[in-house]
Amino acid sequence: MQYSPLGRTGLQVSRLCLGTMTFGEQNSEAEAHAQLDYAIARGVNFIDAAEMYPVPPRRETQGRTEAYIGSWLKSRGGRDKLIVATKVAGRSTELGYARPFAIHPDRRNIEAAIEASLRRLQTDYIDLYQVHWPDRSTNFFGRLGYQHQPLADEVPIEDTLAALDDLVRAGKVRHVGISNETPWGLMRYLALAEQRGLPRVVSIQNPYSLLNRVFEIGHAEIALREQVGLLAYSPLAMGALSGKYRHGARPPQGRLTRFDRFQRYSTPRGASAVEHYAQIAEAHGLDPAQMALAFLLRQPFLTSAIVGATTPEQLRTNLASIELELPEAVVDAIEAVHGADPNPCP
């Protein structure tokens, strides 16, 4: 395994992070524990979750992912050797069942969410606590164009950061991060930290894959200059870049097969790009998933790529990508596909 600094914290996190949003929906508790055992045995020390997981979110399963991680932590020990990350939900009407009041990243929600996450995770602190998405109306979750639509009840970033500051001071959170955030939002968090003595965000968790390299446009320079590295989610585009959905295939247990909400990576442009990348992998004798991950691991702004799996074989394949160094001919071929049709699945 390889490791990267987590912002300016002094912590070193594995370049591949175990994503857990399948725990409790596509994976049982026993399967979740087996994934955790395997990943940790291969040098992974970074685990990412969220209060809303598993995905797709449902009242009946909300919080189950953290609970499965918590039961594993209790049975295995070694909490001090791991970097455990989770997230508090942003503005949502869909998650109204999570709390008896409107869901926003405000003080009331953050205080309720952290207590519930700590209880489910069976720990007394979170290493990295992240705001899952912004409260304001802006371009994230596949939306590229920005339309200025201020909301009357918009929670100011300063209020969110002040509430997180209290958690840090109380010892319940070591470091804070953001997710699905824009370049403006990232810089606003950094400016407020400097101006008001509030916690400095140490990471940003946004989508990044061969099908979606939007992060390179506005975020990458900030990530490098400000040492707020990317935690890349959906690095395999919900499995599309593994090639298992090629030529219209729909494996019965595949996420894109089972859940209608994940059409973001099932567009004609996306399918065309996947085919081009799969052909590059075939021409060079590479596994397409490993090639896709290895390309991400080359990027200097990347702190860690968050890999998930539903089967042991998927997890083995994904973690083995850390050992793959791409030939320049492969990189050139990837860049040619990207240049011809950039970001088909933002």
Protein backbone atom coordinates (compact mmCIF):
# COMPACT_ATOMS: atom_id res chain seq x y z
CA MET A 1 0.00 0.00 0.00
CA GLN A 2 1.01 3.61 -0.53
CA TYR A 3 0.11 6.52 1.75
CA SER A 4 -0.52 10.25 1.41
CA PRO A 5 -0.62 13.11 3.91
CA LEU A 6 -4.17 14.09 4.90
CA GLY A 7 -3.98 17.83 4.37
CA ARG A 8 -1.73 19.44 6.97
CA THR A 9 -2.81 17.11 9.78
CA GLY A 10 0.34 15.00 9.94
CA LEU A 11 -1.79 11.89 9.38
CA GLN A 12 -0.91 9.45 6.61
CA VAL A 13 -3.85 7.77 4.88
CA SER A 14 -3.80 4.89 2.43
CA ARG A 15 -4.02 5.95 -1.21
CA LEU A 16 -6.95 3.57 -1.53
CA CYS A 17 -9.75 4.13 0.97
CA LEU A 18 -12.44 1.53 1.64
CA GLY A 19 -15.83 2.89 0.66
CA THR A 20 -18.71 1.31 2.55
CA MET A 21 -21.98 2.56 1.09
CA THR A 22 -22.94 -1.00 0.05
CA PHE A 23 -22.83 -2.20 3.68
CA GLY A 24 -26.36 -2.90 4.78
CA GLU A 25 -27.96 -2.99 1.32
CA GLN A 26 -25.84 -4.98 -1.13
CA ASN A 27 -23.57 -6.47 1.55
CA SER A 28 -24.53 -8.25 4.77
CA GLU A 29 -22.82 -7.59 8.09
CA ALA A 30 -20.65 -10.69 7.68
CA GLU A 31 -19.63 -9.62 4.16
CA ALA A 32 -18.89 -6.10 5.41
CA HIS A 33 -16.65 -7.48 8.16
CA ALA A 34 -14.85 -9.69 5.64
CA GLN A 35 -14.20 -6.69 3.38
CA LEU A 36 -12.83 -4.69 6.29
CA ASP A 37 -10.58 -7.57 7.36
CA TYR A 38 -9.22 -8.02 3.85
CA ALA A 39 -8.62 -4.31 3.24
CA ILE A 40 -6.87 -3.72 6.56
CA ALA A 41 -4.68 -6.80 6.03
CA ARG A 42 -3.48 -5.21 2.78
CA GLY A 43 -2.52 -1.90 4.31
CA VAL A 44 -5.72 0.13 4.02
CA ASN A 45 -6.05 2.34 7.10
CA PHE A 46 -8.78 4.67 5.81
CA ILE A 47 -12.53 3.88 5.95
CA ASP A 48 -15.23 6.19 4.62
CA ALA A 49 -18.92 6.16 5.58
CA ALA A 50 -21.87 8.54 5.98
CA GLU A 51 -24.87 8.85 8.25
CA MET A 52 -27.24 8.36 5.28
CA TYR A 53 -25.62 5.09 4.11
CA PRO A 54 -26.30 2.54 2.73
CA VAL A 55 -27.22 3.78 -0.71
CA PRO A 56 -29.83 4.06 -2.06
CA PRO A 57 -31.05 5.68 1.15
CA ARG A 58 -34.12 4.23 2.85
CA ARG A 59 -35.76 4.71 6.22
CA GLU A 60 -35.40 1.00 6.98
CA THR A 61 -31.63 0.90 6.44
CA GLN A 62 -30.39 4.40 7.33
CA GLY A 63 -27.36 4.19 9.61
CA ARG A 64 -26.81 0.49 9.03
CA THR A 65 -23.45 1.06 7.31
CA GLU A 66 -22.01 2.82 10.34
CA ALA A 67 -23.49 0.14 12.59
CA TYR A 68 -21.72 -2.61 10.64
CA ILE A 69 -18.42 -0.73 10.90
CA GLY A 70 -19.06 -0.22 14.59
CA SER A 71 -19.64 -3.90 15.28
CA TRP A 72 -16.42 -4.68 13.39
CA LEU A 73 -14.44 -2.08 15.37
CA LYS A 74 -15.77 -3.51 18.62
CA SER A 75 -14.85 -7.08 17.72
CA ARG A 76 -11.44 -6.37 16.13
CA GLY A 77 -10.03 -3.47 18.16
CA GLY A 78 -7.16 -1.36 16.83
CA ARG A 79 -9.26 1.79 16.55
CA ASP A 80 -6.21 4.02 17.07
CA LYS A 81 -4.53 2.61 13.94
CA LEU A 82 -7.40 3.57 11.63
CA ILE A 83 -8.64 6.79 10.07
CA VAL A 84 -12.43 6.61 10.21
CA ALA A 85 -14.36 9.16 8.15
CA THR A 86 -18.07 9.79 8.01
CA LYS A 87 -20.41 12.56 6.90
CA VAL A 88 -23.33 14.69 8.02
CA ALA A 89 -26.06 15.17 5.43
CA GLY A 90 -26.63 18.47 3.67
CA ARG A 91 -30.03 20.00 2.93
CA SER A 92 -32.52 17.23 2.21
CA THR A 93 -36.22 16.50 2.07
CA GLU A 94 -35.54 12.88 1.05
CA LEU A 95 -33.89 12.10 4.41
CA GLY A 96 -36.63 13.54 6.60
CA TYR A 97 -36.82 10.27 8.53
CA ALA A 98 -33.30 10.77 9.93
CA ARG A 99 -34.31 13.51 12.38
CA PRO A 100 -37.52 15.07 13.68
CA PHE A 101 -36.66 18.44 12.12
CA ALA A 102 -35.62 19.76 8.70
CA ILE A 103 -32.28 18.40 7.47
CA HIS A 104 -29.61 21.09 7.04
CA PRO A 105 -25.92 21.30 7.98
CA ASP A 106 -26.72 23.62 10.91
CA ARG A 107 -25.78 23.33 14.58
CA ARG A 108 -28.90 21.42 15.65
CA ASN A 109 -28.47 18.83 12.88
CA ILE A 110 -24.72 18.50 13.26
CA GLU A 111 -24.96 17.92 17.01
CA ALA A 112 -27.69 15.30 16.58
CA ALA A 113 -25.88 13.61 13.68
CA ILE A 114 -22.51 13.28 15.40
CA GLU A 115 -24.02 11.68 18.48
CA ALA A 116 -25.88 9.14 16.37
CA SER A 117 -22.79 8.37 14.27
CA LEU A 118 -20.58 7.93 17.33
CA ARG A 119 -23.13 5.57 18.85
CA ARG A 120 -23.44 3.45 15.71
CA LEU A 121 -19.69 3.39 15.10
CA GLN A 122 -19.08 2.48 18.76
CA THR A 123 -16.29 5.02 19.07
CA ASP A 124 -15.84 8.26 20.97
CA TYR A 125 -14.29 10.25 18.11
CA ILE A 126 -14.37 10.61 14.33
CA ASP A 127 -11.05 11.21 12.59
CA LEU A 128 -12.56 13.03 9.59
CA TYR A 129 -16.07 14.50 9.76
CA GLN A 130 -17.34 15.77 6.42
CA VAL A 131 -20.26 17.89 5.24
CA HIS A 132 -21.81 15.57 2.65
CA TRP A 133 -23.10 18.29 0.31
CA PRO A 134 -23.76 22.04 0.48
CA ASP A 135 -26.89 23.59 1.93
CA ARG A 136 -27.07 26.24 -0.79
CA SER A 137 -28.38 25.74 -4.33
CA THR A 138 -25.29 25.19 -6.47
CA ASN A 139 -23.84 22.84 -9.05
CA PHE A 140 -23.10 19.38 -7.67
CA PHE A 141 -24.38 15.80 -8.15
CA GLY A 142 -23.88 15.99 -11.92
CA ARG A 143 -24.98 19.58 -12.47
CA LEU A 144 -22.33 21.62 -14.29
CA GLY A 145 -23.92 24.98 -15.08
CA TYR A 146 -24.32 27.37 -12.14
CA GLN A 147 -27.57 29.31 -11.73
CA HIS A 148 -27.66 31.85 -8.93
CA GLN A 149 -30.66 30.96 -6.75
CA PRO A 150 -30.12 32.13 -3.15
CA LEU A 151 -32.36 30.37 -0.63
CA ALA A 152 -34.12 32.23 2.17
CA ASP A 153 -33.20 29.58 4.73
CA GLU A 154 -29.68 28.92 3.46
CA VAL A 155 -27.28 27.94 6.25
CA PRO A 156 -24.15 30.12 6.01
CA ILE A 157 -20.91 28.18 5.70
CA GLU A 158 -19.63 30.09 8.73
CA ASP A 159 -22.43 28.64 10.88
CA THR A 160 -21.66 25.12 9.69
CA LEU A 161 -17.97 25.56 10.37
CA ALA A 162 -18.59 27.07 13.80
CA ALA A 163 -20.68 24.04 14.78
CA LEU A 164 -17.91 21.74 13.56
CA ASP A 165 -15.41 23.77 15.56
CA ASP A 166 -17.33 22.93 18.74
CA LEU A 167 -17.07 19.23 17.92
CA VAL A 168 -13.32 19.54 17.43
CA ARG A 169 -12.93 21.41 20.72
CA ALA A 170 -15.01 18.74 22.46
CA GLY A 171 -12.74 15.99 21.13
CA LYS A 172 -15.52 14.29 19.18
CA VAL A 173 -13.95 15.15 15.82
CA ARG A 174 -10.26 15.37 14.98
CA HIS A 175 -10.46 17.00 11.54
CA VAL A 176 -13.14 18.31 9.18
CA GLY A 177 -13.67 17.96 5.46
CA ILE A 178 -16.20 18.79 2.77
CA SER A 179 -17.82 16.85 -0.04
CA ASN A 180 -19.59 17.63 -3.33
CA GLU A 181 -18.34 21.18 -2.93
CA THR A 182 -17.53 23.80 -5.57
CA PRO A 183 -14.29 25.78 -5.94
CA TRP A 184 -16.00 28.84 -4.44
CA GLY A 185 -17.25 26.80 -1.51
CA LEU A 186 -13.83 25.30 -0.86
CA MET A 187 -12.17 28.72 -0.87
CA ARG A 188 -14.91 30.12 1.39
CA TYR A 189 -14.27 27.38 3.95
CA LEU A 190 -10.53 28.12 3.84
CA ALA A 191 -11.02 31.88 4.13
CA LEU A 192 -13.34 31.55 7.13
CA ALA A 193 -10.89 29.22 8.85
CA GLU A 194 -8.13 31.77 8.43
CA GLN A 195 -10.21 34.82 9.32
CA ARG A 196 -12.15 33.41 12.28
CA GLY A 197 -9.78 30.82 13.70
CA LEU A 198 -12.13 27.98 12.75
CA PRO A 199 -11.06 24.45 11.70
CA ARG A 200 -9.31 24.27 8.35
CA VAL A 201 -10.81 21.68 6.01
CA VAL A 202 -8.26 18.97 5.26
CA SER A 203 -9.90 17.23 2.30
CA ILE A 204 -12.61 17.47 -0.32
CA GLN A 205 -14.57 14.38 -1.39
CA ASN A 206 -15.86 14.87 -4.93
CA PRO A 207 -16.51 12.54 -7.87
CA TYR A 208 -13.50 11.85 -10.08
CA SER A 209 -13.03 9.15 -12.70
CA LEU A 210 -12.15 8.66 -16.34
CA LEU A 211 -15.76 9.61 -17.13
CA ASN A 212 -15.76 12.69 -14.91
CA ARG A 213 -12.58 14.78 -14.65
CA VAL A 214 -14.36 18.05 -13.86
CA PHE A 215 -12.30 18.34 -10.66
CA GLU A 216 -9.26 19.16 -12.79
CA ILE A 217 -10.84 22.36 -14.09
CA GLY A 218 -11.50 24.46 -11.00
CA HIS A 219 -10.48 22.42 -7.98
CA ALA A 220 -7.09 20.89 -8.74
CA GLU A 221 -5.01 24.05 -8.34
CA ILE A 222 -6.70 24.83 -5.03
CA ALA A 223 -6.16 21.27 -3.81
CA LEU A 224 -2.43 21.48 -4.51
CA ARG A 225 -1.73 25.05 -3.45
CA GLU A 226 -3.83 24.83 -0.28
CA GLN A 227 -3.01 21.19 0.58
CA VAL A 228 -6.64 20.11 0.59
CA GLY A 229 -6.41 16.87 -1.35
CA LEU A 230 -9.13 15.06 -3.23
CA LEU A 231 -10.85 12.00 -1.83
CA ALA A 232 -12.20 10.67 -5.13
CA TYR A 233 -15.56 8.96 -4.96
CA SER A 234 -17.07 6.86 -7.77
CA PRO A 235 -13.57 6.30 -9.22
CA LEU A 236 -15.01 3.43 -11.30
CA ALA A 237 -18.22 5.32 -12.15
CA MET A 238 -20.43 2.96 -10.12
CA GLY A 239 -18.68 -0.02 -11.71
CA ALA A 240 -19.17 1.11 -15.31
CA LEU A 241 -15.40 1.39 -15.86
CA SER A 242 -14.92 -2.24 -14.84
CA GLY A 243 -16.46 -3.14 -18.18
CA LYS A 244 -19.19 -5.32 -16.70
CA TYR A 245 -21.95 -3.30 -18.38
CA ARG A 246 -20.37 -3.33 -21.86
CA HIS A 247 -22.56 -4.01 -24.90
CA GLY A 248 -25.72 -3.48 -22.88
CA ALA A 249 -24.97 -6.19 -20.30
CA ARG A 250 -26.89 -5.89 -17.05
CA PRO A 251 -25.51 -8.32 -14.45
CA PRO A 252 -28.33 -8.96 -11.96
CA GLN A 253 -26.37 -7.84 -8.89
CA GLY A 254 -24.85 -4.76 -10.51
CA ARG A 255 -25.72 -1.43 -8.95
CA LEU A 256 -26.69 0.12 -12.27
CA THR A 257 -28.97 -2.87 -12.86
CA ARG A 258 -30.65 -2.88 -9.47
CA PHE A 259 -31.17 0.81 -8.80
CA ASP A 260 -32.78 3.29 -11.17
CA ARG A 261 -31.33 6.33 -9.40
CA PHE A 262 -27.84 5.68 -10.83
CA GLN A 263 -28.45 6.64 -14.45
CA ARG A 264 -25.65 9.20 -14.32
CA TYR A 265 -23.19 6.62 -15.72
CA SER A 266 -25.55 4.89 -18.15
CA THR A 267 -25.77 7.52 -20.88
CA PRO A 268 -24.90 6.84 -24.55
CA ARG A 269 -21.86 9.12 -24.25
CA GLY A 270 -20.78 7.29 -21.12
CA ALA A 271 -21.18 3.88 -22.75
CA SER A 272 -19.12 5.02 -25.73
CA ALA A 273 -16.30 6.30 -23.52
CA VAL A 274 -16.34 3.12 -21.42
CA GLU A 275 -15.96 1.06 -24.60
CA HIS A 276 -12.99 3.13 -25.73
CA TYR A 277 -11.28 2.78 -22.35
CA ALA A 278 -12.00 -0.96 -22.24
CA GLN A 279 -10.41 -1.37 -25.65
CA ILE A 280 -7.30 0.45 -24.43
CA ALA A 281 -7.07 -1.93 -21.48
CA GLU A 282 -7.52 -4.96 -23.73
CA ALA A 283 -4.86 -3.76 -26.16
CA HIS A 284 -2.33 -3.52 -23.34
CA GLY A 285 -3.36 -6.62 -21.40
CA LEU A 286 -4.73 -4.65 -18.45
CA ASP A 287 -7.77 -5.09 -16.25
CA PRO A 288 -10.02 -2.10 -17.10
CA ALA A 289 -10.89 -1.36 -13.47
CA GLN A 290 -7.24 -1.43 -12.43
CA MET A 291 -6.30 0.80 -15.35
CA ALA A 292 -8.99 3.33 -14.39
CA LEU A 293 -7.83 3.40 -10.77
CA ALA A 294 -4.15 3.54 -11.68
CA PHE A 295 -4.80 6.63 -13.79
CA LEU A 296 -6.36 8.38 -10.80
CA LEU A 297 -3.49 7.38 -8.53
CA ARG A 298 -1.10 9.27 -10.85
CA GLN A 299 -2.74 12.59 -10.08
CA PRO A 300 -0.79 14.86 -7.69
CA PHE A 301 -3.95 16.42 -6.24
CA LEU A 302 -5.34 13.03 -5.17
CA THR A 303 -5.06 12.06 -1.52
CA SER A 304 -7.05 8.82 -1.78
CA ALA A 305 -9.43 7.04 -4.14
CA ILE A 306 -12.47 5.56 -2.41
CA VAL A 307 -13.05 2.05 -3.69
CA GLY A 308 -16.12 0.00 -2.89
CA ALA A 309 -17.04 -3.57 -3.73
CA THR A 310 -19.84 -6.07 -3.39
CA THR A 311 -17.74 -9.21 -3.91
CA PRO A 312 -14.34 -10.34 -2.60
CA GLU A 313 -13.01 -10.55 -6.14
CA GLN A 314 -13.94 -6.94 -6.88
CA LEU A 315 -12.17 -5.81 -3.73
CA ARG A 316 -9.05 -7.85 -4.56
CA THR A 317 -8.94 -6.39 -8.06
CA ASN A 318 -9.43 -2.83 -6.89
CA LEU A 319 -6.80 -2.96 -4.16
CA ALA A 320 -4.29 -4.57 -6.51
CA SER A 321 -4.42 -1.44 -8.68
CA ILE A 322 -2.00 0.22 -6.24
CA GLU A 323 0.76 -1.93 -7.77
CA LEU A 324 0.04 -0.92 -11.37
CA GLU A 325 2.14 1.75 -13.06
CA LEU A 326 0.65 2.72 -16.39
CA PRO A 327 2.90 2.84 -19.48
CA GLU A 328 2.98 6.25 -21.12
CA ALA A 329 1.35 4.75 -24.21
CA VAL A 330 -1.70 3.89 -22.11
CA VAL A 331 -1.81 7.36 -20.58
CA ASP A 332 -1.57 8.95 -24.03
CA ALA A 333 -4.42 6.76 -25.29
CA ILE A 334 -6.57 7.68 -22.27
CA GLU A 335 -5.90 11.38 -22.85
CA ALA A 336 -6.88 11.03 -26.50
CA VAL A 337 -10.28 9.57 -25.55
CA HIS A 338 -10.78 12.29 -22.95
CA GLY A 339 -9.80 15.01 -25.41
CA ALA A 340 -12.29 13.79 -27.98
CA ASP A 341 -15.23 13.79 -25.54
CA PRO A 342 -14.38 15.32 -22.14
CA ASN A 343 -16.40 14.42 -19.07
CA PRO A 344 -19.28 12.46 -20.61
CA CYS A 345 -20.72 11.65 -17.16
CA PRO A 346 -20.24 14.65 -14.84
